[in-house]
Protein backbone atom coordinates (compact mmCIF):
# COMPACT_ATOMS: atom_id res chain seq x y z
CA MET A 1 -3.52 15.01 18.34
CA ARG A 2 -1.94 13.15 20.74
CA GLN A 3 1.98 12.65 20.80
CA SER A 4 2.28 9.24 20.79
CA ARG A 5 5.67 6.95 20.73
CA ILE A 6 5.82 4.82 17.87
CA LEU A 7 7.92 2.15 17.18
CA PHE A 8 8.94 0.93 13.78
CA CYS A 9 9.58 -2.40 13.41
CA LEU A 10 11.17 -2.49 9.54
CA LEU A 11 11.21 -5.75 7.47
CA GLY A 12 14.49 -3.80 5.74
CA ASP A 13 16.51 -1.04 5.55
CA GLN A 14 16.10 1.93 3.44
CA SER A 15 17.46 -0.07 0.12
CA LYS A 16 14.11 -2.05 0.69
CA ALA A 17 11.54 -0.03 -1.48
CA SER A 18 8.71 -1.13 0.96
CA SER A 19 10.38 -0.69 4.27
CA ARG A 20 11.97 3.13 2.84
CA VAL A 21 8.61 4.11 1.63
CA ARG A 22 6.04 2.60 4.13
CA GLY A 23 8.69 2.87 7.09
CA TYR A 24 11.16 5.62 7.06
CA TRP A 25 9.30 8.00 4.78
CA MET A 26 6.50 7.72 7.52
CA ALA A 27 8.19 7.61 10.16
CA GLU A 28 9.69 11.18 9.40
CA GLU A 29 6.42 12.71 8.29
CA GLN A 30 4.83 11.41 12.01
CA GLU A 31 7.98 13.08 13.48
CA LYS A 32 6.78 16.23 11.90
CA LEU A 33 3.40 15.66 13.06
CA GLY A 34 4.51 15.68 16.59
CA MET A 35 4.79 12.06 17.21
CA ARG A 36 7.72 10.42 18.45
CA CYS A 37 9.49 7.64 16.54
CA SER A 38 11.68 5.00 16.67
CA ILE A 39 13.13 2.31 13.82
CA VAL A 40 14.33 -0.78 14.03
CA ALA A 41 15.23 -2.49 10.63
CA GLY A 42 15.87 -6.07 9.89
CA ASP A 43 14.41 -9.37 10.78
CA ASN A 44 17.45 -10.93 12.33
CA ARG A 45 17.90 -12.03 16.09
CA SER A 46 19.25 -9.13 17.17
CA ALA A 47 16.74 -6.43 15.61
CA LEU A 48 14.36 -8.75 17.38
CA LEU A 49 15.85 -8.53 20.78
CA ARG A 50 16.25 -4.54 20.17
CA SER A 51 12.53 -4.46 19.38
CA LEU A 52 11.78 -6.08 22.43
CA ALA A 53 13.56 -4.07 24.38
CA LYS A 54 12.34 -0.97 23.45
CA LEU A 55 8.24 -2.26 23.50
CA PRO A 56 7.60 -0.64 27.16
CA ALA A 57 8.57 2.87 26.20
CA HIS A 58 6.36 2.95 22.86
CA ASP A 59 2.76 3.56 22.67
CA ILE A 60 2.27 1.84 18.99
CA ILE A 61 4.09 -0.62 17.92
CA TYR A 62 4.31 -0.41 13.57
CA PHE A 63 4.97 -3.95 12.02
CA GLN A 64 5.95 -3.65 8.55
CA LYS A 65 5.50 -6.61 6.42
CA ASN A 66 7.21 -9.11 9.20
CA CYS A 67 6.12 -12.87 9.01
CA SER A 68 8.07 -14.56 11.14
CA LYS A 69 6.69 -16.93 14.14
CA TRP A 70 8.94 -14.59 16.53
CA HIS A 71 7.14 -11.46 15.30
CA VAL A 72 4.16 -13.17 15.84
CA ARG A 73 5.18 -13.44 19.59
CA LEU A 74 6.40 -10.18 19.67
CA MET A 75 3.27 -8.73 18.96
CA ALA A 76 1.74 -11.01 21.49
CA ILE A 77 3.73 -9.69 24.20
CA ALA A 78 3.32 -6.13 22.66
CA ASN A 79 -0.43 -6.74 23.16
CA ALA A 80 0.24 -8.37 26.57
CA LEU A 81 1.96 -5.04 27.75
CA GLY A 82 -1.43 -3.04 26.63
CA LYS A 83 0.20 -1.49 23.45
CA LYS A 84 -1.69 -0.80 20.21
CA THR A 85 -0.30 -2.96 17.06
CA LEU A 86 -0.51 -1.80 13.65
CA TYR A 87 0.63 -4.45 11.01
CA ASP A 88 1.18 -2.59 7.79
CA LEU A 89 1.45 -4.99 4.09
CA ASP A 90 1.98 -3.50 0.59
CA ASP A 91 1.55 -7.04 -0.96
CA VAL A 92 0.47 -10.31 -0.45
CA PRO A 93 3.47 -12.05 1.30
CA SER A 94 5.83 -12.98 -1.33
CA ARG A 95 4.87 -15.82 -4.16
CA ILE A 96 7.81 -17.60 -2.61
CA ASN A 97 6.65 -18.15 1.02
CA SER A 98 5.40 -21.04 2.42
CA PRO A 99 2.24 -21.86 3.99
CA ILE A 100 3.73 -21.63 7.57
CA THR A 101 4.99 -17.85 6.13
CA LEU A 102 0.94 -17.07 4.66
CA GLN A 103 -0.08 -18.65 8.20
CA ASN A 104 2.16 -16.63 10.30
CA ALA A 105 0.78 -13.18 8.36
CA SER A 106 -2.73 -14.08 9.06
CA LYS A 107 -1.76 -14.20 12.71
CA MET A 108 -0.08 -10.87 12.60
CA MET A 109 -3.23 -9.58 10.99
CA THR A 110 -5.51 -11.32 13.60
CA LEU A 111 -3.65 -10.17 16.65
CA SER A 112 -3.03 -6.42 15.63
CA SER A 113 -5.37 -3.70 16.50
CA ALA A 114 -5.60 -2.34 12.87
CA VAL A 115 -3.74 -3.58 9.46
CA ILE A 116 -3.04 -0.86 7.08
CA VAL A 117 -2.88 -1.80 3.52
CA GLY A 118 -1.46 -0.37 0.19
CA SER A 119 -4.55 -1.37 -2.12
CA GLN A 120 -8.01 -2.21 -2.56
CA ALA A 121 -7.46 -5.87 -3.34
CA LEU A 122 -5.33 -5.78 0.05
CA LEU A 123 -7.97 -4.35 1.89
CA ASP A 124 -10.27 -7.35 0.98
CA TYR A 125 -7.52 -9.79 1.95
CA SER A 126 -6.57 -8.13 5.11
CA ARG A 127 -10.45 -7.77 6.07
CA GLU A 128 -10.93 -11.36 6.14
CA TYR A 129 -8.32 -12.03 9.32
CA GLN A 130 -8.88 -8.21 10.59
CA PRO A 131 -12.17 -5.89 10.25
CA ASN A 132 -10.07 -2.90 11.49
CA SER A 133 -8.58 -2.56 8.21
CA PHE A 134 -7.54 0.64 6.24
CA PHE A 135 -6.41 1.58 2.82
CA LEU A 136 -3.55 4.01 3.10
CA PRO A 137 -2.00 4.47 -0.54
CA THR A 138 1.42 3.69 -0.88
CA SER A 139 2.54 7.02 -1.77
CA ILE A 140 5.54 9.33 -2.94
CA LYS A 141 7.88 12.04 -0.85
CA LEU A 142 7.53 14.89 -3.62
CA GLU A 143 10.61 16.59 -2.50
CA ASN A 144 12.83 13.31 -3.81
CA TYR A 145 10.98 13.54 -7.61
CA VAL A 146 11.78 16.71 -9.01
CA PRO A 147 10.80 16.73 -12.52
CA ILE A 148 13.25 17.61 -15.09
CA GLU A 149 11.83 19.85 -18.18
CA LYS A 150 12.50 17.66 -21.26
CA VAL A 151 13.88 19.50 -24.18
CA GLU A 152 12.34 19.48 -27.57
CA PHE A 153 14.52 17.28 -29.38
CA ARG A 154 17.20 14.73 -27.80
CA GLY A 155 17.38 11.79 -29.96
CA SER A 156 15.04 8.83 -29.86
CA VAL A 157 12.68 8.49 -27.34
CA CYS A 158 13.71 6.94 -24.12
CA LEU A 159 11.65 3.96 -22.88
CA GLY A 160 12.28 3.23 -19.07
CA TRP A 161 11.38 0.39 -16.71
CA ILE A 162 12.55 0.43 -12.95
CA GLY A 163 12.62 -2.22 -10.11
CA ASN A 164 13.64 -5.36 -9.05
CA GLY A 165 14.77 -7.50 -12.57
CA ALA A 166 15.39 -10.40 -11.05
CA HIS A 167 11.68 -10.75 -9.72
CA TYR A 168 9.92 -9.42 -12.64
CA ALA A 169 12.42 -10.77 -15.64
CA ASN A 170 9.38 -13.11 -16.97
CA ASP A 171 6.87 -10.36 -16.81
CA LEU A 172 9.20 -7.89 -18.93
CA ILE A 173 10.63 -10.31 -21.30
CA GLU A 174 7.08 -12.01 -22.15
CA ILE A 175 5.19 -8.95 -22.20
CA LEU A 176 7.64 -6.34 -24.04
CA SER A 177 9.50 -8.54 -26.29
CA ASP A 178 7.20 -8.82 -29.43
CA PRO A 179 5.88 -4.81 -28.98
CA LEU A 180 9.22 -3.95 -28.85
CA LYS A 181 10.42 -5.76 -31.94
CA ILE A 182 7.51 -3.91 -33.94
CA ILE A 183 8.35 -0.56 -32.65
CA GLY A 184 12.08 -1.54 -33.48
CA SER A 185 11.17 -2.06 -37.22
CA GLN A 186 9.57 1.27 -37.29
CA GLN A 187 11.96 3.76 -35.56
CA ARG A 188 14.70 3.63 -33.48
CA VAL A 189 14.33 3.87 -29.47
CA ARG A 190 16.05 3.23 -26.45
CA LEU A 191 15.13 1.23 -23.83
CA LYS A 192 16.91 1.89 -20.12
CA ILE A 193 16.14 -1.21 -17.78
CA VAL A 194 17.60 0.20 -14.37
CA GLY A 195 17.47 -2.77 -11.97
CA ALA A 196 18.68 -5.52 -14.21
CA CYS A 197 20.28 -7.42 -11.43
CA GLY A 198 22.43 -9.15 -13.89
CA ASN A 199 19.97 -11.11 -14.80
CA LYS A 200 21.07 -13.21 -17.91
CA GLN A 201 17.17 -13.28 -19.50
CA LEU A 202 17.25 -9.95 -19.67
CA TYR A 203 20.20 -9.26 -21.00
CA GLU A 204 19.17 -12.15 -23.80
CA ALA A 205 15.99 -10.86 -24.76
CA PHE A 206 16.64 -7.12 -24.87
CA SER A 207 20.16 -7.12 -25.99
CA ASP A 208 19.63 -7.37 -29.87
CA ILE A 209 16.34 -6.37 -30.73
CA PRO A 210 16.61 -4.22 -34.36
CA GLY A 211 15.91 -0.33 -33.89
CA VAL A 212 16.37 -0.86 -30.13
CA GLU A 213 18.98 0.94 -28.09
CA THR A 214 19.22 -1.21 -24.54
CA VAL A 215 20.99 0.27 -21.76
CA PHE A 216 21.39 -2.14 -18.66
CA VAL A 217 21.75 -0.91 -15.22
CA ASP A 218 22.44 -3.65 -12.85
CA GLN A 219 21.85 -2.12 -9.64
CA ILE A 220 21.82 1.58 -8.01
CA CYS A 221 21.54 2.97 -4.87
CA TRP A 222 18.26 2.96 -3.83
CA SER A 223 18.22 4.67 -0.81
CA ASP A 224 19.91 7.59 -2.76
CA PRO A 225 17.01 9.70 -3.85
CA VAL A 226 19.08 11.35 -6.27
CA ALA A 227 20.61 8.56 -7.59
CA VAL A 228 16.97 7.12 -8.54
CA GLN A 229 15.45 10.45 -9.87
CA ASN A 230 18.54 11.07 -12.17
CA HIS A 231 18.04 7.44 -13.93
CA LEU A 232 13.74 8.49 -13.88
CA ALA A 233 14.81 11.59 -15.44
CA GLU A 234 16.32 9.92 -18.71
CA PHE A 235 12.59 8.19 -19.15
CA ASP A 236 10.05 9.89 -21.82
CA ILE A 237 7.95 7.03 -21.26
CA GLY A 238 7.45 4.95 -18.15
CA LEU A 239 6.77 0.80 -18.85
CA TYR A 240 4.83 -1.07 -15.99
CA PRO A 241 4.26 -4.64 -17.52
CA VAL A 242 2.93 -7.74 -14.92
CA PHE A 243 1.40 -10.55 -15.55
CA ASP A 244 -2.33 -10.98 -14.46
CA ASN A 245 -1.66 -13.26 -11.53
CA GLU A 246 -2.89 -13.56 -7.58
CA PHE A 247 0.29 -11.81 -6.83
CA ASN A 248 0.31 -8.61 -8.84
CA ARG A 249 -3.36 -8.29 -8.10
CA HIS A 250 -2.20 -7.21 -4.57
CA LYS A 251 0.20 -4.89 -5.68
CA CYS A 252 0.25 -1.07 -4.73
CA GLY A 253 1.48 0.54 -8.12
CA PHE A 254 4.62 2.28 -6.86
CA LYS A 255 6.65 2.03 -10.17
CA ALA A 256 3.51 4.12 -11.83
CA LEU A 257 3.74 6.24 -8.97
CA GLU A 258 7.64 7.15 -9.46
CA TYR A 259 6.93 7.93 -13.25
CA MET A 260 3.77 10.27 -12.58
CA ALA A 261 5.87 12.21 -9.75
CA MET A 262 8.76 12.42 -12.13
CA GLN A 263 6.00 14.03 -14.61
CA ILE A 264 6.77 10.51 -16.78
CA PRO A 265 3.59 9.09 -19.36
CA VAL A 266 2.85 5.66 -17.89
CA ILE A 267 1.83 2.52 -20.31
CA THR A 268 1.12 -0.16 -17.66
CA SER A 269 -0.77 -3.69 -17.45
CA PRO A 270 -4.23 -2.48 -15.59
CA VAL A 271 -3.56 -4.91 -12.59
CA GLY A 272 -3.62 -4.53 -9.27
CA GLY A 273 -3.05 -1.02 -8.21
CA ASN A 274 -2.20 0.36 -11.61
CA LYS A 275 -5.76 0.27 -12.99
CA ASP A 276 -6.75 2.57 -9.91
CA ILE A 277 -3.33 4.77 -10.08
CA VAL A 278 -2.96 5.31 -14.13
CA ALA A 279 -6.09 6.99 -15.62
CA GLU A 280 -6.81 5.68 -19.30
CA GLY A 281 -6.11 8.53 -21.78
CA ILE A 282 -5.49 11.00 -18.91
CA ASP A 283 -2.13 10.34 -17.31
CA GLY A 284 -0.91 6.96 -19.44
CA TYR A 285 -2.30 4.25 -21.23
CA HIS A 286 -3.82 0.76 -19.90
CA ALA A 287 -2.42 -2.37 -22.08
CA ASN A 288 -4.02 -5.71 -21.78
CA ASP A 289 -2.03 -7.60 -25.02
CA LYS A 290 0.88 -7.28 -27.77
CA ASN A 291 -1.58 -4.96 -29.86
CA GLU A 292 -2.43 -2.31 -27.23
CA TRP A 293 0.88 -2.09 -26.09
CA VAL A 294 2.19 -1.45 -29.61
CA GLY A 295 -0.72 0.76 -30.27
CA ALA A 296 0.05 2.78 -27.01
CA LEU A 297 4.02 2.86 -27.85
CA GLU A 298 3.37 4.21 -31.29
CA LYS A 299 0.99 7.05 -29.75
CA LEU A 300 3.22 8.13 -27.21
CA ILE A 301 6.52 7.71 -29.19
CA THR A 302 5.05 10.17 -32.15
CA ASP A 303 3.48 12.64 -29.95
CA PRO A 304 5.61 14.58 -27.68
CA GLU A 305 2.89 16.91 -26.90
CA GLN A 306 0.89 14.05 -25.20
CA ARG A 307 3.65 13.16 -23.20
CA LYS A 308 3.96 16.15 -22.10
CA LYS A 309 0.22 16.25 -21.54
CA PHE A 310 -0.02 12.84 -19.44
CA GLY A 311 2.96 13.60 -17.42
CA GLN A 312 2.00 17.20 -16.11
CA ALA A 313 -1.55 15.50 -15.28
CA GLY A 314 0.18 12.23 -13.60
CA ARG A 315 1.83 14.71 -10.89
CA ARG A 316 -0.94 16.78 -10.23
CA LYS A 317 -2.62 13.45 -9.18
CA ILE A 318 0.29 12.60 -7.30
CA LYS A 319 0.42 15.69 -5.26
CA THR A 320 -3.32 15.55 -4.61
CA GLN A 321 -3.93 12.24 -3.86
CA TYR A 322 -0.61 9.85 -3.34
CA SER A 323 2.04 12.43 -1.25
CA ILE A 324 3.20 11.10 1.96
CA SER A 325 2.28 14.34 4.04
CA GLU A 326 -1.20 13.35 3.09
CA SER A 327 -1.13 9.67 4.01
CA ALA A 328 0.81 10.41 7.28
CA ARG A 329 -1.84 12.77 8.48
CA LYS A 330 -4.36 9.40 7.40
CA LEU A 331 -2.12 7.14 9.67
CA ALA A 332 -2.29 10.10 12.70
CA GLY A 333 -6.08 9.89 12.86
CA ILE A 334 -6.10 6.22 12.93
CA ILE A 335 -3.07 6.39 15.66
CA ASP A 336 -5.00 8.94 17.43
CA ALA A 337 -8.33 6.53 17.33
CA LEU A 338 -6.18 3.37 18.92
CA VAL A 339 -4.71 5.31 21.58
CA GLU A 340 -7.90 6.45 22.88
CA ALA A 341 -10.00 3.54 22.52
CA LYS A 342 -10.59 1.56 25.60
CA ASN A 343 -10.75 -1.46 23.59
CA SER A 344 -9.08 -2.65 20.22
CA ASP A 345 -12.17 -4.85 18.90
CA ASN A 346 -13.86 -2.92 16.17
CA VAL A 347 -13.13 0.46 17.71
CA PHE A 348 -13.40 2.26 14.63
CA GLU A 349 -17.14 0.97 13.63
């Protein structure tokens, strides 16, 4: 394995989930494999200039989700200097992005030596622009997710959700409100929403459901693995409701991976990466409508042994299929092939 020099041009700092997971964590693992890595975070003018200055000293330029016209130009300059360029995506450019941004993303894929994506749907999407596209699942840094053994009884079962509540308020409200009203009429449960972002709609929808005690956590230090782990440790069941739309069909299912790494059973909408990550009846349940959400919740709330069984199966899956160390080895293999190739046109075929 070659000791390549990799420049990671990341969309954000460690508070941004995609940059933390597919950038910082990946760079750490590449260092362990003998690569030499540098990181420039952000998409402002200063970050672009720092990236430009660092191009000559690196063999591989790894662009993580950058979609500006300046990054298109930066990639073109890198190519002109004879560098190999990777473009990494863990979802399609944001649902609110302009056609110009989508056009820039397609240019980044076309210009790159290879595209790395986090879901099968993204693989189909990227291959329209770049035949050298590879599936590299969003992965978990296992040492940041240490399961805590649940005591046999510690009060009401805790249903948990973690993420960006500002982006997913409508998904949560429209999918979970009615099932929780039914569950709350049968028994008392806790609902913990981590990352509520002070969203007024979330507070109004979930504050006064009879039988459901709701705890809102607006923000945490997302870059602090202990903070994330401590909040997840309270969950008995991890919830992952998402609409079946074009944007979500390309998502990589990171919440499901976090729940499973913490040995938490999952109930999810079978959309995007979720349907591949969560195995129905083995480490979680798929729920397509209100009745299926109610049925899945009832099964797991009333059966602690089933929760434990699903949780253990999920943790095993993360170890064998979604660990960051394994994904880093796969990326290193792609990088080695790129560096050794004489040209970047379909070098992997």
